[in-house]
């Protein structure tokens, strides 16, 4: 017991050297379960392509399609108290133009046969 107390008092802290930033995998995991991602999930066609941190935001890009048009779906996730929330944009890959989010396609309703009860 005394050795353990001495090590804690004079040694390095056990969590020293652990980065204080949130890992990319945790950010993408939480983003992909958010309402912001769900709102444009019908456009997204790939996993995480690229990410970087800039001015308190973590920017994550995903590949996607609107019809036959290839697009990049960009999300900015706030990392500190000054930048809270998630922002998203859809960018046309050919022109670099920011596009509006298209309405999600509604699945066709399947008409089930009526079963007679005896």
PDB file of N, CA and C in Angstrom:
ATOM      1  N   UNK A   1       0.807  -1.205   0.000  1.00  0.00           N
ATOM      2  CA  UNK A   1       0.000   0.000   0.000  1.00  0.00           C
ATOM      3  C   UNK A   1       0.853   1.273   0.000  1.00  0.00           C
ATOM      4  N   UNK A   2       1.931   1.366   0.796  1.00  0.00           N
ATOM      5  CA  UNK A   2       2.732   2.587   0.781  1.00  0.00           C
ATOM      6  C   UNK A   2       3.355   2.867  -0.597  1.00  0.00           C
ATOM      7  N   UNK A   3       3.771   1.820  -1.328  1.00  0.00           N
ATOM      8  CA  UNK A   3       4.342   2.018  -2.658  1.00  0.00           C
ATOM      9  C   UNK A   3       3.302   2.633  -3.606  1.00  0.00           C
ATOM     10  N   UNK A   4       2.092   2.153  -3.513  1.00  0.00           N
ATOM     11  CA  UNK A   4       1.017   2.689  -4.356  1.00  0.00           C
ATOM     12  C   UNK A   4       0.764   4.162  -4.042  1.00  0.00           C
ATOM     13  N   UNK A   5       0.744   4.521  -2.778  1.00  0.00           N
ATOM     14  CA  UNK A   5       0.532   5.916  -2.373  1.00  0.00           C
ATOM     15  C   UNK A   5       1.687   6.769  -2.871  1.00  0.00           C
ATOM     16  N   UNK A   6       2.935   6.270  -2.734  1.00  0.00           N
ATOM     17  CA  UNK A   6       4.093   7.028  -3.217  1.00  0.00           C
ATOM     18  C   UNK A   6       4.013   7.233  -4.730  1.00  0.00           C
ATOM     19  N   UNK A   7       3.624   6.166  -5.472  1.00  0.00           N
ATOM     20  CA  UNK A   7       3.523   6.265  -6.932  1.00  0.00           C
ATOM     21  C   UNK A   7       2.475   7.305  -7.334  1.00  0.00           C
ATOM     22  N   UNK A   8       1.343   7.342  -6.662  1.00  0.00           N
ATOM     23  CA  UNK A   8       0.295   8.316  -6.981  1.00  0.00           C
ATOM     24  C   UNK A   8       0.727   9.734  -6.619  1.00  0.00           C
ATOM     25  N   UNK A   9       1.516   9.857  -5.560  1.00  0.00           N
ATOM     26  CA  UNK A   9       1.928  11.176  -5.099  1.00  0.00           C
ATOM     27  C   UNK A   9       3.039  11.760  -5.965  1.00  0.00           C
ATOM     28  N   UNK A  10       4.031  10.931  -6.354  1.00  0.00           N
ATOM     29  CA  UNK A  10       5.193  11.440  -7.062  1.00  0.00           C
ATOM     30  C   UNK A  10       5.296  10.973  -8.515  1.00  0.00           C
ATOM     31  N   UNK A  11       4.531  10.011  -8.902  1.00  0.00           N
ATOM     32  CA  UNK A  11       4.602   9.496 -10.262  1.00  0.00           C
ATOM     33  C   UNK A  11       3.693  10.274 -11.221  1.00  0.00           C
ATOM     34  N   UNK A  12       3.702   9.823 -12.442  1.00  0.00           N
ATOM     35  CA  UNK A  12       2.840  10.430 -13.458  1.00  0.00           C
ATOM     36  C   UNK A  12       1.397  10.045 -13.226  1.00  0.00           C
ATOM     37  N   UNK A  13       0.498  10.932 -13.583  1.00  0.00           N
ATOM     38  CA  UNK A  13      -0.926  10.627 -13.479  1.00  0.00           C
ATOM     39  C   UNK A  13      -1.273   9.548 -14.497  1.00  0.00           C
ATOM     40  N   UNK A  14      -2.138   8.598 -14.158  1.00  0.00           N
ATOM     41  CA  UNK A  14      -2.455   7.504 -15.087  1.00  0.00           C
ATOM     42  C   UNK A  14      -3.080   7.983 -16.391  1.00  0.00           C
ATOM     43  N   UNK A  15      -3.753   9.109 -16.386  1.00  0.00           N
ATOM     44  CA  UNK A  15      -4.385   9.617 -17.607  1.00  0.00           C
ATOM     45  C   UNK A  15      -3.552  10.682 -18.303  1.00  0.00           C
ATOM     46  N   UNK A  16      -2.321  10.897 -17.856  1.00  0.00           N
ATOM     47  CA  UNK A  16      -1.449  11.857 -18.526  1.00  0.00           C
ATOM     48  C   UNK A  16      -1.129  11.344 -19.922  1.00  0.00           C
ATOM     49  N   UNK A  17      -1.181  12.216 -20.882  1.00  0.00           N
ATOM     50  CA  UNK A  17      -0.892  11.830 -22.256  1.00  0.00           C
ATOM     51  C   UNK A  17      -2.113  11.411 -23.057  1.00  0.00           C
ATOM     52  N   UNK A  18      -3.247  11.272 -22.405  1.00  0.00           N
ATOM     53  CA  UNK A  18      -4.476  10.940 -23.121  1.00  0.00           C
ATOM     54  C   UNK A  18      -4.984  12.216 -23.785  1.00  0.00           C
ATOM     55  N   UNK A  19      -5.247  12.200 -25.083  1.00  0.00           N
ATOM     56  CA  UNK A  19      -5.705  13.429 -25.743  1.00  0.00           C
ATOM     57  C   UNK A  19      -7.044  13.890 -25.183  1.00  0.00           C
ATOM     58  N   UNK A  20      -7.211  15.207 -25.097  1.00  0.00           N
ATOM     59  CA  UNK A  20      -8.450  15.755 -24.536  1.00  0.00           C
ATOM     60  C   UNK A  20      -9.496  16.046 -25.606  1.00  0.00           C
ATOM     61  N   UNK A  21      -9.224  15.690 -26.841  1.00  0.00           N
ATOM     62  CA  UNK A  21     -10.205  15.901 -27.901  1.00  0.00           C
ATOM     63  C   UNK A  21     -11.045  14.641 -28.096  1.00  0.00           C
ATOM     64  N   UNK A  22     -12.227  14.839 -28.604  1.00  0.00           N
ATOM     65  CA  UNK A  22     -13.141  13.741 -28.865  1.00  0.00           C
ATOM     66  C   UNK A  22     -12.673  12.965 -30.100  1.00  0.00           C
ATOM     67  N   UNK A  23     -12.597  11.639 -30.039  1.00  0.00           N
ATOM     68  CA  UNK A  23     -12.158  10.861 -31.202  1.00  0.00           C
ATOM     69  C   UNK A  23     -13.135  11.005 -32.379  1.00  0.00           C
ATOM     70  N   UNK A  24     -12.593  10.888 -33.586  1.00  0.00           N
ATOM     71  CA  UNK A  24     -13.402  10.988 -34.806  1.00  0.00           C
ATOM     72  C   UNK A  24     -14.479   9.906 -34.824  1.00  0.00           C
ATOM     73  N   UNK A  25     -14.146   8.709 -34.394  1.00  0.00           N
ATOM     74  CA  UNK A  25     -15.132   7.621 -34.432  1.00  0.00           C
ATOM     75  C   UNK A  25     -16.328   7.923 -33.532  1.00  0.00           C
ATOM     76  N   UNK A  26     -16.084   8.537 -32.382  1.00  0.00           N
ATOM     77  CA  UNK A  26     -17.190   8.893 -31.486  1.00  0.00           C
ATOM     78  C   UNK A  26     -18.048   9.989 -32.105  1.00  0.00           C
ATOM     79  N   UNK A  27     -17.402  10.958 -32.751  1.00  0.00           N
ATOM     80  CA  UNK A  27     -18.148  12.041 -33.397  1.00  0.00           C
ATOM     81  C   UNK A  27     -19.017  11.496 -34.516  1.00  0.00           C
ATOM     82  N   UNK A  28     -18.455  10.642 -35.380  1.00  0.00           N
ATOM     83  CA  UNK A  28     -19.241  10.108 -36.494  1.00  0.00           C
ATOM     84  C   UNK A  28     -20.352   9.182 -35.996  1.00  0.00           C
ATOM     85  N   UNK A  29     -20.083   8.406 -34.953  1.00  0.00           N
ATOM     86  CA  UNK A  29     -21.101   7.520 -34.377  1.00  0.00           C
ATOM     87  C   UNK A  29     -22.300   8.338 -33.886  1.00  0.00           C
ATOM     88  N   UNK A  30     -22.025   9.392 -33.117  1.00  0.00           N
ATOM     89  CA  UNK A  30     -23.106  10.233 -32.608  1.00  0.00           C
ATOM     90  C   UNK A  30     -23.804  11.007 -33.714  1.00  0.00           C
ATOM     91  N   UNK A  31     -23.048  11.478 -34.708  1.00  0.00           N
ATOM     92  CA  UNK A  31     -23.640  12.212 -35.829  1.00  0.00           C
ATOM     93  C   UNK A  31     -24.607  11.326 -36.601  1.00  0.00           C
ATOM     94  N   UNK A  32     -24.212  10.103 -36.895  1.00  0.00           N
ATOM     95  CA  UNK A  32     -25.038   9.209 -37.709  1.00  0.00           C
ATOM     96  C   UNK A  32     -26.313   8.768 -36.999  1.00  0.00           C
ATOM     97  N   UNK A  33     -26.447   9.060 -35.721  1.00  0.00           N
ATOM     98  CA  UNK A  33     -27.672   8.761 -34.979  1.00  0.00           C
ATOM     99  C   UNK A  33     -28.451  10.019 -34.633  1.00  0.00           C
ATOM    100  N   UNK A  34     -28.046  11.164 -35.183  1.00  0.00           N
ATOM    101  CA  UNK A  34     -28.692  12.440 -34.872  1.00  0.00           C
ATOM    102  C   UNK A  34     -29.838  12.736 -35.843  1.00  0.00           C
ATOM    103  N   UNK A  35     -30.684  13.678 -35.465  1.00  0.00           N
ATOM    104  CA  UNK A  35     -31.786  14.110 -36.333  1.00  0.00           C
ATOM    105  C   UNK A  35     -31.261  14.821 -37.568  1.00  0.00           C
ATOM    106  N   UNK A  36     -30.150  15.553 -37.444  1.00  0.00           N
ATOM    107  CA  UNK A  36     -29.572  16.264 -38.591  1.00  0.00           C
ATOM    108  C   UNK A  36     -29.130  15.282 -39.670  1.00  0.00           C
ATOM    109  N   UNK A  37     -28.536  14.162 -39.279  1.00  0.00           N
ATOM    110  CA  UNK A  37     -28.105  13.159 -40.248  1.00  0.00           C
ATOM    111  C   UNK A  37     -29.312  12.442 -40.841  1.00  0.00           C
ATOM    112  N   UNK A  38     -30.292  12.129 -40.015  1.00  0.00           N
ATOM    113  CA  UNK A  38     -31.486  11.435 -40.477  1.00  0.00           C
ATOM    114  C   UNK A  38     -32.226  12.255 -41.531  1.00  0.00           C
ATOM    115  N   UNK A  39     -32.200  13.588 -41.399  1.00  0.00           N
ATOM    116  CA  UNK A  39     -32.906  14.455 -42.338  1.00  0.00           C
ATOM    117  C   UNK A  39     -32.334  14.367 -43.751  1.00  0.00           C
ATOM    118  N   UNK A  40     -31.045  14.038 -43.891  1.00  0.00           N
ATOM    119  CA  UNK A  40     -30.435  13.940 -45.219  1.00  0.00           C
ATOM    120  C   UNK A  40     -29.910  12.536 -45.515  1.00  0.00           C
ATOM    121  N   UNK A  41     -30.280  11.557 -44.699  1.00  0.00           N
ATOM    122  CA  UNK A  41     -29.750  10.201 -44.864  1.00  0.00           C
ATOM    123  C   UNK A  41     -30.153   9.565 -46.193  1.00  0.00           C
ATOM    124  N   UNK A  42     -31.255  10.025 -46.794  1.00  0.00           N
ATOM    125  CA  UNK A  42     -31.666   9.459 -48.083  1.00  0.00           C
ATOM    126  C   UNK A  42     -30.744   9.919 -49.221  1.00  0.00           C
ATOM    127  N   UNK A  43     -29.886  10.911 -48.963  1.00  0.00           N
ATOM    128  CA  UNK A  43     -28.923  11.393 -49.960  1.00  0.00           C
ATOM    129  C   UNK A  43     -27.566  10.726 -49.766  1.00  0.00           C
ATOM    130  N   UNK A  44     -27.203  10.401 -48.536  1.00  0.00           N
ATOM    131  CA  UNK A  44     -25.883   9.841 -48.215  1.00  0.00           C
ATOM    132  C   UNK A  44     -25.758   8.433 -48.780  1.00  0.00           C
ATOM    133  N   UNK A  45     -24.631   8.179 -49.470  1.00  0.00           N
ATOM    134  CA  UNK A  45     -24.405   6.863 -50.074  1.00  0.00           C
ATOM    135  C   UNK A  45     -23.058   6.257 -49.698  1.00  0.00           C
ATOM    136  N   UNK A  46     -22.332   6.864 -48.763  1.00  0.00           N
ATOM    137  CA  UNK A  46     -21.038   6.319 -48.362  1.00  0.00           C
ATOM    138  C   UNK A  46     -20.838   6.520 -46.875  1.00  0.00           C
ATOM    139  N   UNK A  47     -19.766   5.954 -46.378  1.00  0.00           N
ATOM    140  CA  UNK A  47     -19.359   6.207 -45.004  1.00  0.00           C
ATOM    141  C   UNK A  47     -18.566   7.502 -44.949  1.00  0.00           C
ATOM    142  N   UNK A  48     -17.976   7.761 -43.826  1.00  0.00           N
ATOM    143  CA  UNK A  48     -17.176   8.967 -43.626  1.00  0.00           C
ATOM    144  C   UNK A  48     -16.004   8.977 -44.592  1.00  0.00           C
ATOM    145  N   UNK A  49     -15.863  10.078 -45.362  1.00  0.00           N
ATOM    146  CA  UNK A  49     -14.771  10.189 -46.324  1.00  0.00           C
ATOM    147  C   UNK A  49     -13.600  10.989 -45.778  1.00  0.00           C
ATOM    148  N   UNK A  50     -13.905  12.115 -45.119  1.00  0.00           N
ATOM    149  CA  UNK A  50     -12.844  13.014 -44.677  1.00  0.00           C
ATOM    150  C   UNK A  50     -13.327  13.800 -43.462  1.00  0.00           C
ATOM    151  N   UNK A  51     -12.404  14.204 -42.596  1.00  0.00           N
ATOM    152  CA  UNK A  51     -12.781  15.022 -41.449  1.00  0.00           C
ATOM    153  C   UNK A  51     -11.606  15.901 -41.048  1.00  0.00           C
ATOM    154  N   UNK A  52     -11.913  17.052 -40.467  1.00  0.00           N
ATOM    155  CA  UNK A  52     -10.896  17.952 -39.937  1.00  0.00           C
ATOM    156  C   UNK A  52     -11.547  18.879 -38.916  1.00  0.00           C
ATOM    157  N   UNK A  53     -10.722  19.475 -38.053  1.00  0.00           N
ATOM    158  CA  UNK A  53     -11.189  20.421 -37.042  1.00  0.00           C
ATOM    159  C   UNK A  53     -10.801  21.829 -37.461  1.00  0.00           C
ATOM    160  N   UNK A  54     -11.741  22.765 -37.300  1.00  0.00           N
ATOM    161  CA  UNK A  54     -11.468  24.150 -37.683  1.00  0.00           C
ATOM    162  C   UNK A  54     -12.363  25.089 -36.881  1.00  0.00           C
ATOM    163  N   UNK A  55     -11.768  26.025 -36.145  1.00  0.00           N
ATOM    164  CA  UNK A  55     -12.472  27.075 -35.404  1.00  0.00           C
ATOM    165  C   UNK A  55     -13.571  26.535 -34.491  1.00  0.00           C
ATOM    166  N   UNK A  56     -13.306  25.484 -33.754  1.00  0.00           N
ATOM    167  CA  UNK A  56     -14.287  24.944 -32.819  1.00  0.00           C
ATOM    168  C   UNK A  56     -15.308  24.023 -33.451  1.00  0.00           C
ATOM    169  N   UNK A  57     -15.154  23.736 -34.740  1.00  0.00           N
ATOM    170  CA  UNK A  57     -16.069  22.827 -35.447  1.00  0.00           C
ATOM    171  C   UNK A  57     -15.286  21.625 -35.927  1.00  0.00           C
ATOM    172  N   UNK A  58     -15.912  20.462 -35.940  1.00  0.00           N
ATOM    173  CA  UNK A  58     -15.359  19.276 -36.585  1.00  0.00           C
ATOM    174  C   UNK A  58     -16.176  19.060 -37.850  1.00  0.00           C
ATOM    175  N   UNK A  59     -15.509  19.127 -38.993  1.00  0.00           N
ATOM    176  CA  UNK A  59     -16.171  19.005 -40.293  1.00  0.00           C
ATOM    177  C   UNK A  59     -16.018  17.569 -40.780  1.00  0.00           C
ATOM    178  N   UNK A  60     -17.142  16.943 -41.157  1.00  0.00           N
ATOM    179  CA  UNK A  60     -17.148  15.570 -41.643  1.00  0.00           C
ATOM    180  C   UNK A  60     -17.832  15.552 -43.003  1.00  0.00           C
ATOM    181  N   UNK A  61     -17.256  14.840 -43.970  1.00  0.00           N
ATOM    182  CA  UNK A  61     -17.848  14.773 -45.303  1.00  0.00           C
ATOM    183  C   UNK A  61     -18.219  13.335 -45.647  1.00  0.00           C
ATOM    184  N   UNK A  62     -19.331  13.217 -46.354  1.00  0.00           N
ATOM    185  CA  UNK A  62     -19.853  11.934 -46.820  1.00  0.00           C
ATOM    186  C   UNK A  62     -20.187  12.087 -48.301  1.00  0.00           C
ATOM    187  N   UNK A  63     -20.060  11.012 -49.062  1.00  0.00           N
ATOM    188  CA  UNK A  63     -20.465  11.015 -50.460  1.00  0.00           C
ATOM    189  C   UNK A  63     -21.950  10.729 -50.565  1.00  0.00           C
ATOM    190  N   UNK A  64     -22.557  11.246 -51.638  1.00  0.00           N
ATOM    191  CA  UNK A  64     -23.978  11.012 -51.813  1.00  0.00           C
ATOM    192  C   UNK A  64     -24.429  11.209 -53.241  1.00  0.00           C
ATOM    193  N   UNK A  65     -25.709  11.039 -53.472  1.00  0.00           N
ATOM    194  CA  UNK A  65     -26.312  11.225 -54.798  1.00  0.00           C
ATOM    195  C   UNK A  65     -27.689  11.825 -54.653  1.00  0.00           C
ATOM    196  N   UNK A  66     -27.992  12.723 -55.565  1.00  0.00           N
ATOM    197  CA  UNK A  66     -29.357  13.217 -55.747  1.00  0.00           C
ATOM    198  C   UNK A  66     -29.702  12.866 -57.179  1.00  0.00           C
ATOM    199  N   UNK A  67     -30.524  11.843 -57.346  1.00  0.00           N
ATOM    200  CA  UNK A  67     -30.779  11.318 -58.681  1.00  0.00           C
ATOM    201  C   UNK A  67     -29.497  10.680 -59.195  1.00  0.00           C
ATOM    202  N   UNK A  68     -28.998  11.191 -60.336  1.00  0.00           N
ATOM    203  CA  UNK A  68     -27.720  10.706 -60.875  1.00  0.00           C
ATOM    204  C   UNK A  68     -26.590  11.688 -60.605  1.00  0.00           C
ATOM    205  N   UNK A  69     -26.897  12.789 -59.915  1.00  0.00           N
ATOM    206  CA  UNK A  69     -25.910  13.836 -59.641  1.00  0.00           C
ATOM    207  C   UNK A  69     -25.101  13.482 -58.391  1.00  0.00           C
ATOM    208  N   UNK A  70     -23.756  13.344 -58.519  1.00  0.00           N
ATOM    209  CA  UNK A  70     -22.935  13.084 -57.332  1.00  0.00           C
ATOM    210  C   UNK A  70     -22.793  14.350 -56.486  1.00  0.00           C
ATOM    211  N   UNK A  71     -22.952  14.188 -55.186  1.00  0.00           N
ATOM    212  CA  UNK A  71     -22.869  15.314 -54.261  1.00  0.00           C
ATOM    213  C   UNK A  71     -21.985  14.931 -53.074  1.00  0.00           C
ATOM    214  N   UNK A  72     -21.552  15.946 -52.346  1.00  0.00           N
ATOM    215  CA  UNK A  72     -20.842  15.752 -51.085  1.00  0.00           C
ATOM    216  C   UNK A  72     -21.716  16.319 -49.988  1.00  0.00           C
ATOM    217  N   UNK A  73     -21.983  15.521 -48.970  1.00  0.00           N
ATOM    218  CA  UNK A  73     -22.782  15.963 -47.829  1.00  0.00           C
ATOM    219  C   UNK A  73     -21.799  16.355 -46.732  1.00  0.00           C
ATOM    220  N   UNK A  74     -21.863  17.616 -46.305  1.00  0.00           N
ATOM    221  CA  UNK A  74     -20.919  18.163 -45.338  1.00  0.00           C
ATOM    222  C   UNK A  74     -21.647  18.450 -44.032  1.00  0.00           C
ATOM    223  N   UNK A  75     -21.084  17.961 -42.935  1.00  0.00           N
ATOM    224  CA  UNK A  75     -21.627  18.229 -41.606  1.00  0.00           C
ATOM    225  C   UNK A  75     -20.569  18.952 -40.795  1.00  0.00           C
ATOM    226  N   UNK A  76     -21.000  19.921 -39.995  1.00  0.00           N
ATOM    227  CA  UNK A  76     -20.121  20.596 -39.038  1.00  0.00           C
ATOM    228  C   UNK A  76     -20.699  20.350 -37.651  1.00  0.00           C
ATOM    229  N   UNK A  77     -19.908  19.736 -36.789  1.00  0.00           N
ATOM    230  CA  UNK A  77     -20.335  19.397 -35.435  1.00  0.00           C
ATOM    231  C   UNK A  77     -19.566  20.289 -34.463  1.00  0.00           C
ATOM    232  N   UNK A  78     -20.299  20.992 -33.595  1.00  0.00           N
ATOM    233  CA  UNK A  78     -19.658  21.876 -32.628  1.00  0.00           C
ATOM    234  C   UNK A  78     -18.875  21.093 -31.585  1.00  0.00           C
ATOM    235  N   UNK A  79     -17.661  21.571 -31.282  1.00  0.00           N
ATOM    236  CA  UNK A  79     -16.803  20.873 -30.330  1.00  0.00           C
ATOM    237  C   UNK A  79     -16.725  21.541 -28.961  1.00  0.00           C
ATOM    238  N   UNK A  80     -17.108  22.809 -28.860  1.00  0.00           N
ATOM    239  CA  UNK A  80     -17.021  23.488 -27.572  1.00  0.00           C
ATOM    240  C   UNK A  80     -18.311  24.257 -27.301  1.00  0.00           C
ATOM    241  N   UNK A  81     -18.370  24.940 -26.185  1.00  0.00           N
ATOM    242  CA  UNK A  81     -19.604  25.626 -25.791  1.00  0.00           C
ATOM    243  C   UNK A  81     -19.927  26.820 -26.683  1.00  0.00           C
ATOM    244  N   UNK A  82     -18.943  27.371 -27.394  1.00  0.00           N
ATOM    245  CA  UNK A  82     -19.203  28.497 -28.291  1.00  0.00           C
ATOM    246  C   UNK A  82     -19.840  28.033 -29.603  1.00  0.00           C
ATOM    247  N   UNK A  83     -19.576  26.806 -30.012  1.00  0.00           N
ATOM    248  CA  UNK A  83     -20.129  26.257 -31.254  1.00  0.00           C
ATOM    249  C   UNK A  83     -20.925  25.005 -30.919  1.00  0.00           C
ATOM    250  N   UNK A  84     -22.183  25.186 -30.625  1.00  0.00           N
ATOM    251  CA  UNK A  84     -23.035  24.069 -30.222  1.00  0.00           C
ATOM    252  C   UNK A  84     -23.924  23.681 -31.395  1.00  0.00           C
ATOM    253  N   UNK A  85     -24.121  22.389 -31.595  1.00  0.00           N
ATOM    254  CA  UNK A  85     -25.069  21.924 -32.595  1.00  0.00           C
ATOM    255  C   UNK A  85     -24.403  21.272 -33.788  1.00  0.00           C
ATOM    256  N   UNK A  86     -25.244  20.987 -34.781  1.00  0.00           N
ATOM    257  CA  UNK A  86     -24.809  20.340 -36.016  1.00  0.00           C
ATOM    258  C   UNK A  86     -25.359  21.146 -37.181  1.00  0.00           C
ATOM    259  N   UNK A  87     -24.515  21.427 -38.146  1.00  0.00           N
ATOM    260  CA  UNK A  87     -24.947  22.106 -39.372  1.00  0.00           C
ATOM    261  C   UNK A  87     -24.642  21.191 -40.553  1.00  0.00           C
ATOM    262  N   UNK A  88     -25.466  21.274 -41.588  1.00  0.00           N
ATOM    263  CA  UNK A  88     -25.241  20.417 -42.745  1.00  0.00           C
ATOM    264  C   UNK A  88     -25.478  21.181 -44.040  1.00  0.00           C
ATOM    265  N   UNK A  89     -24.788  20.741 -45.089  1.00  0.00           N
ATOM    266  CA  UNK A  89     -24.946  21.293 -46.432  1.00  0.00           C
ATOM    267  C   UNK A  89     -24.742  20.176 -47.436  1.00  0.00           C
ATOM    268  N   UNK A  90     -25.348  20.341 -48.590  1.00  0.00           N
ATOM    269  CA  UNK A  90     -25.153  19.411 -49.697  1.00  0.00           C
ATOM    270  C   UNK A  90     -24.511  20.200 -50.826  1.00  0.00           C
ATOM    271  N   UNK A  91     -23.350  19.727 -51.312  1.00  0.00           N
ATOM    272  CA  UNK A  91     -22.578  20.448 -52.323  1.00  0.00           C
ATOM    273  C   UNK A  91     -22.485  19.598 -53.581  1.00  0.00           C
ATOM    274  N   UNK A  92     -22.816  20.195 -54.727  1.00  0.00           N
ATOM    275  CA  UNK A  92     -22.684  19.520 -56.014  1.00  0.00           C
ATOM    276  C   UNK A  92     -21.195  19.352 -56.313  1.00  0.00           C
ATOM    277  N   UNK A  93     -20.759  18.135 -56.624  1.00  0.00           N
ATOM    278  CA  UNK A  93     -19.339  17.878 -56.863  1.00  0.00           C
ATOM    279  C   UNK A  93     -18.842  18.510 -58.156  1.00  0.00           C
ATOM    280  N   UNK A  94     -19.691  18.627 -59.163  1.00  0.00           N
ATOM    281  CA  UNK A  94     -19.256  19.170 -60.445  1.00  0.00           C
ATOM    282  C   UNK A  94     -19.117  20.689 -60.410  1.00  0.00           C
ATOM    283  N   UNK A  95     -20.063  21.383 -59.788  1.00  0.00           N
ATOM    284  CA  UNK A  95     -20.075  22.842 -59.840  1.00  0.00           C
ATOM    285  C   UNK A  95     -19.663  23.503 -58.527  1.00  0.00           C
ATOM    286  N   UNK A  96     -19.704  22.787 -57.421  1.00  0.00           N
ATOM    287  CA  UNK A  96     -19.408  23.374 -56.120  1.00  0.00           C
ATOM    288  C   UNK A  96     -20.570  24.178 -55.558  1.00  0.00           C
ATOM    289  N   UNK A  97     -21.721  24.085 -56.194  1.00  0.00           N
ATOM    290  CA  UNK A  97     -22.920  24.822 -55.794  1.00  0.00           C
ATOM    291  C   UNK A  97     -23.582  24.131 -54.592  1.00  0.00           C
ATOM    292  N   UNK A  98     -24.070  24.946 -53.653  1.00  0.00           N
ATOM    293  CA  UNK A  98     -24.794  24.400 -52.500  1.00  0.00           C
ATOM    294  C   UNK A  98     -26.234  24.129 -52.928  1.00  0.00           C
ATOM    295  N   UNK A  99     -26.697  22.908 -52.692  1.00  0.00           N
ATOM    296  CA  UNK A  99     -28.023  22.479 -53.133  1.00  0.00           C
ATOM    297  C   UNK A  99     -28.980  22.387 -51.948  1.00  0.00           C
ATOM    298  N   UNK A 100     -30.275  22.593 -52.197  1.00  0.00           N
ATOM    299  CA  UNK A 100     -31.250  22.379 -51.117  1.00  0.00           C
ATOM    300  C   UNK A 100     -31.432  20.887 -50.866  1.00  0.00           C
ATOM    301  N   UNK A 101     -31.866  20.562 -49.675  1.00  0.00           N
ATOM    302  CA  UNK A 101     -32.109  19.159 -49.325  1.00  0.00           C
ATOM    303  C   UNK A 101     -33.388  18.703 -50.008  1.00  0.00           C
ATOM    304  N   UNK A 102     -33.314  17.670 -50.855  1.00  0.00           N
ATOM    305  CA  UNK A 102     -34.536  17.190 -51.496  1.00  0.00           C
ATOM    306  C   UNK A 102     -35.418  16.450 -50.502  1.00  0.00           C
ATOM    307  N   UNK A 103     -36.694  16.424 -50.807  1.00  0.00           N
ATOM    308  CA  UNK A 103     -37.638  15.685 -49.955  1.00  0.00           C
ATOM    309  C   UNK A 103     -37.328  14.200 -50.048  1.00  0.00           C
ATOM    310  N   UNK A 104     -37.447  13.469 -48.947  1.00  0.00           N
ATOM    311  CA  UNK A 104     -37.177  12.030 -49.006  1.00  0.00           C
ATOM    312  C   UNK A 104     -38.234  11.316 -49.836  1.00  0.00           C
ATOM    313  N   UNK A 105     -37.823  10.306 -50.588  1.00  0.00           N
ATOM    314  CA  UNK A 105     -38.805   9.552 -51.357  1.00  0.00           C
ATOM    315  C   UNK A 105     -39.684   8.729 -50.419  1.00  0.00           C
ATOM    316  N   UNK A 106     -40.941   8.706 -50.713  1.00  0.00           N
ATOM    317  CA  UNK A 106     -41.867   7.926 -49.898  1.00  0.00           C
ATOM    318  C   UNK A 106     -41.963   6.528 -50.481  1.00  0.00           C
ATOM    319  N   UNK A 107     -41.822   5.514 -49.653  1.00  0.00           N
ATOM    320  CA  UNK A 107     -41.927   4.155 -50.178  1.00  0.00           C
ATOM    321  C   UNK A 107     -43.359   3.878 -50.644  1.00  0.00           C
ATOM    322  N   UNK A 108     -43.459   3.081 -51.682  1.00  0.00           N
ATOM    323  CA  UNK A 108     -44.776   2.711 -52.184  1.00  0.00           C
ATOM    324  C   UNK A 108     -45.478   1.844 -51.151  1.00  0.00           C
ATOM    325  N   UNK A 109     -46.739   2.128 -50.948  1.00  0.00           N
ATOM    326  CA  UNK A 109     -47.495   1.343 -49.975  1.00  0.00           C
ATOM    327  C   UNK A 109     -47.865   0.004 -50.582  1.00  0.00           C
ATOM    328  N   UNK A 110     -47.687  -1.025 -49.824  1.00  0.00           N
ATOM    329  CA  UNK A 110     -48.043  -2.359 -50.256  1.00  0.00           C
ATOM    330  C   UNK A 110     -49.443  -2.671 -49.760  1.00  0.00           C
ATOM    331  N   UNK A 111     -50.303  -3.000 -50.704  1.00  0.00           N
ATOM    332  CA  UNK A 111     -51.669  -3.354 -50.331  1.00  0.00           C
ATOM    333  C   UNK A 111     -51.700  -4.828 -49.986  1.00  0.00           C
ATOM    334  N   UNK A 112     -52.094  -5.123 -48.764  1.00  0.00           N
ATOM    335  CA  UNK A 112     -52.148  -6.509 -48.328  1.00  0.00           C
ATOM    336  C   UNK A 112     -53.529  -7.095 -48.640  1.00  0.00           C
ATOM    337  N   UNK A 113     -53.565  -8.361 -48.971  1.00  0.00           N
ATOM    338  CA  UNK A 113     -54.852  -8.987 -49.268  1.00  0.00           C
ATOM    339  C   UNK A 113     -55.691  -9.110 -47.984  1.00  0.00           C
ATOM    340  N   UNK A 114     -56.983  -9.028 -48.165  1.00  0.00           N
ATOM    341  CA  UNK A 114     -57.907  -9.183 -47.033  1.00  0.00           C
ATOM    342  C   UNK A 114     -58.143 -10.662 -46.827  1.00  0.00           C
ATOM    343  N   UNK A 115     -57.986 -11.097 -45.610  1.00  0.00           N
ATOM    344  CA  UNK A 115     -58.167 -12.503 -45.291  1.00  0.00           C
ATOM    345  C   UNK A 115     -59.524 -12.641 -44.597  1.00  0.00           C
ATOM    346  N   UNK A 116     -60.323 -13.529 -45.130  1.00  0.00           N
ATOM    347  CA  UNK A 116     -61.649 -13.754 -44.535  1.00  0.00           C
ATOM    348  C   UNK A 116     -61.516 -14.588 -43.273  1.00  0.00           C
ATOM    349  N   UNK A 117     -62.279 -14.201 -42.294  1.00  0.00           N
ATOM    350  CA  UNK A 117     -62.278 -14.965 -41.040  1.00  0.00           C
ATOM    351  C   UNK A 117     -63.540 -15.801 -40.976  1.00  0.00           C
ATOM    352  N   UNK A 118     -63.443 -16.964 -40.446  1.00  0.00           N
ATOM    353  CA  UNK A 118     -64.603 -17.846 -40.373  1.00  0.00           C
ATOM    354  C   UNK A 118     -65.279 -17.784 -39.045  1.00  0.00           C
TER     355      UNK A 118
END
